[in-house]
Amino acid sequence: MLTERRLADRRYPLHGQFSAVAKDIFYEGQPQYYLEGLGISGLTFTAFVKVRVASSFVHLHVDLGGALKTVSKAKRRKAIRYGKELPEETQRQIDRLCSLAVKHYLDH
């Protein structure tokens, strides 16, 4: 006769449970998307941004078009290669394009 052996696996979260109120507070304070990286497309040779939608595994590639045209070539390269900061106006334009793309994805 075989006996069932119980393993020492936990059936509850390691750091406690997420209450309904704490979950609402967390999701309200969470941004709509996370910017993961800036790059150049190998097919079209245009700039794009890799964005992860919050609370999901979905990654979007947002085409920037001419958003980086106002930035010098050296600053563009440093931003792409090393993640350096871009000018504030350019960063606002990138954020606007990303938020529009995420909103379009979530609506459809």
Protein backbone atom coordinates (compact mmCIF):
# COMPACT_ATOMS: atom_id res chain seq x y z
CA MET A 1 0.00 0.00 0.00
CA LEU A 2 1.41 3.38 -1.06
CA THR A 3 1.25 6.27 1.34
CA GLU A 4 1.02 9.83 0.15
CA ARG A 5 4.01 11.94 1.07
CA ARG A 6 3.44 15.57 1.71
CA LEU A 7 5.99 17.97 0.35
CA ALA A 8 7.08 21.09 2.16
CA ASP A 9 5.69 23.34 -0.58
CA ARG A 10 3.89 26.44 0.50
CA ARG A 11 0.39 27.04 -0.77
CA TYR A 12 0.35 30.74 0.13
CA PRO A 13 2.48 33.69 -0.99
CA LEU A 14 5.86 34.02 0.67
CA HIS A 15 5.44 37.67 1.69
CA GLY A 16 1.78 37.59 2.64
CA GLN A 17 -1.39 38.10 0.69
CA PHE A 18 -2.35 41.14 -1.35
CA SER A 19 -5.50 42.58 0.21
CA ALA A 20 -8.15 44.16 -1.98
CA VAL A 21 -7.41 47.66 -0.67
CA ALA A 22 -3.64 47.28 -1.09
CA LYS A 23 -4.18 45.96 -4.62
CA ASP A 24 -6.29 49.00 -5.55
CA ILE A 25 -3.69 51.39 -4.13
CA PHE A 26 -0.89 49.60 -6.00
CA TYR A 27 -2.69 49.64 -9.37
CA GLU A 28 -3.69 53.31 -9.01
CA GLY A 29 -0.11 54.36 -8.33
CA GLN A 30 1.33 52.23 -11.12
CA PRO A 31 2.24 53.91 -14.42
CA GLN A 32 0.43 52.85 -17.58
CA TYR A 33 3.65 51.59 -19.19
CA TYR A 34 7.36 51.14 -18.57
CA LEU A 35 9.95 52.39 -21.04
CA GLU A 36 12.44 49.56 -21.57
CA GLY A 37 14.73 50.82 -24.27
CA LEU A 38 15.41 53.02 -27.25
CA GLY A 39 16.74 51.60 -30.49
CA ILE A 40 16.96 51.77 -34.25
CA SER A 41 14.97 49.36 -36.42
CA GLY A 42 17.15 47.23 -38.64
CA LEU A 43 14.47 47.10 -41.34
CA THR A 44 13.40 50.71 -41.65
CA PHE A 45 16.36 52.47 -39.97
CA THR A 46 13.99 54.60 -37.90
CA ALA A 47 13.99 55.08 -34.14
CA PHE A 48 11.63 53.06 -31.95
CA VAL A 49 10.98 52.54 -28.26
CA LYS A 50 10.35 49.22 -26.53
CA VAL A 51 7.52 49.62 -24.00
CA ARG A 52 6.12 47.10 -21.52
CA VAL A 53 2.44 47.51 -20.65
CA ALA A 54 1.97 47.65 -16.88
CA SER A 55 0.81 44.47 -15.11
CA SER A 56 1.22 42.31 -18.22
CA PHE A 57 3.84 40.52 -20.25
CA VAL A 58 3.01 42.51 -23.40
CA HIS A 59 5.80 44.49 -25.04
CA LEU A 60 5.06 47.11 -27.68
CA HIS A 61 7.49 48.57 -30.19
CA VAL A 62 6.49 52.20 -30.76
CA ASP A 63 7.82 53.90 -33.89
CA LEU A 64 9.11 57.39 -33.07
CA GLY A 65 9.20 58.65 -36.65
CA GLY A 66 10.81 62.09 -36.62
CA ALA A 67 10.80 62.62 -32.85
CA LEU A 68 14.59 62.39 -32.63
CA LYS A 69 15.29 64.62 -35.66
CA THR A 70 15.74 67.71 -33.48
CA VAL A 71 18.45 66.03 -31.39
CA SER A 72 22.03 65.99 -32.61
CA LYS A 73 23.49 62.78 -34.00
CA ALA A 74 25.89 62.37 -31.07
CA LYS A 75 23.13 62.78 -28.47
CA ARG A 76 20.92 60.31 -30.33
CA ARG A 77 23.69 57.74 -30.39
CA LYS A 78 24.48 58.20 -26.69
CA ALA A 79 20.80 57.87 -25.80
CA ILE A 80 20.50 54.65 -27.80
CA ARG A 81 23.79 53.06 -26.78
CA TYR A 82 24.17 54.14 -23.17
CA GLY A 83 20.68 55.22 -22.12
CA LYS A 84 21.66 58.86 -21.63
CA GLU A 85 18.97 61.46 -21.09
CA LEU A 86 17.42 63.28 -24.02
CA PRO A 87 16.29 66.94 -23.96
CA GLU A 88 13.07 67.53 -22.06
CA GLU A 89 11.01 68.50 -25.12
CA THR A 90 12.06 65.34 -26.97
CA GLN A 91 11.35 63.21 -23.89
CA ARG A 92 7.84 64.70 -23.63
CA GLN A 93 7.20 63.92 -27.29
CA ILE A 94 8.37 60.31 -26.80
CA ASP A 95 6.16 59.94 -23.72
CA ARG A 96 3.17 61.29 -25.65
CA LEU A 97 3.73 58.83 -28.52
CA CYS A 98 4.11 55.92 -26.08
CA SER A 99 0.99 56.82 -24.11
CA LEU A 100 -1.01 57.07 -27.35
CA ALA A 101 0.24 53.67 -28.49
CA VAL A 102 -0.55 52.03 -25.14
CA LYS A 103 -3.99 53.64 -25.03
CA HIS A 104 -4.68 52.39 -28.57
CA TYR A 105 -3.54 48.88 -27.60
CA LEU A 106 -5.71 48.80 -24.47
CA ASP A 107 -8.79 50.12 -26.31
CA HIS A 108 -8.61 47.45 -29.01
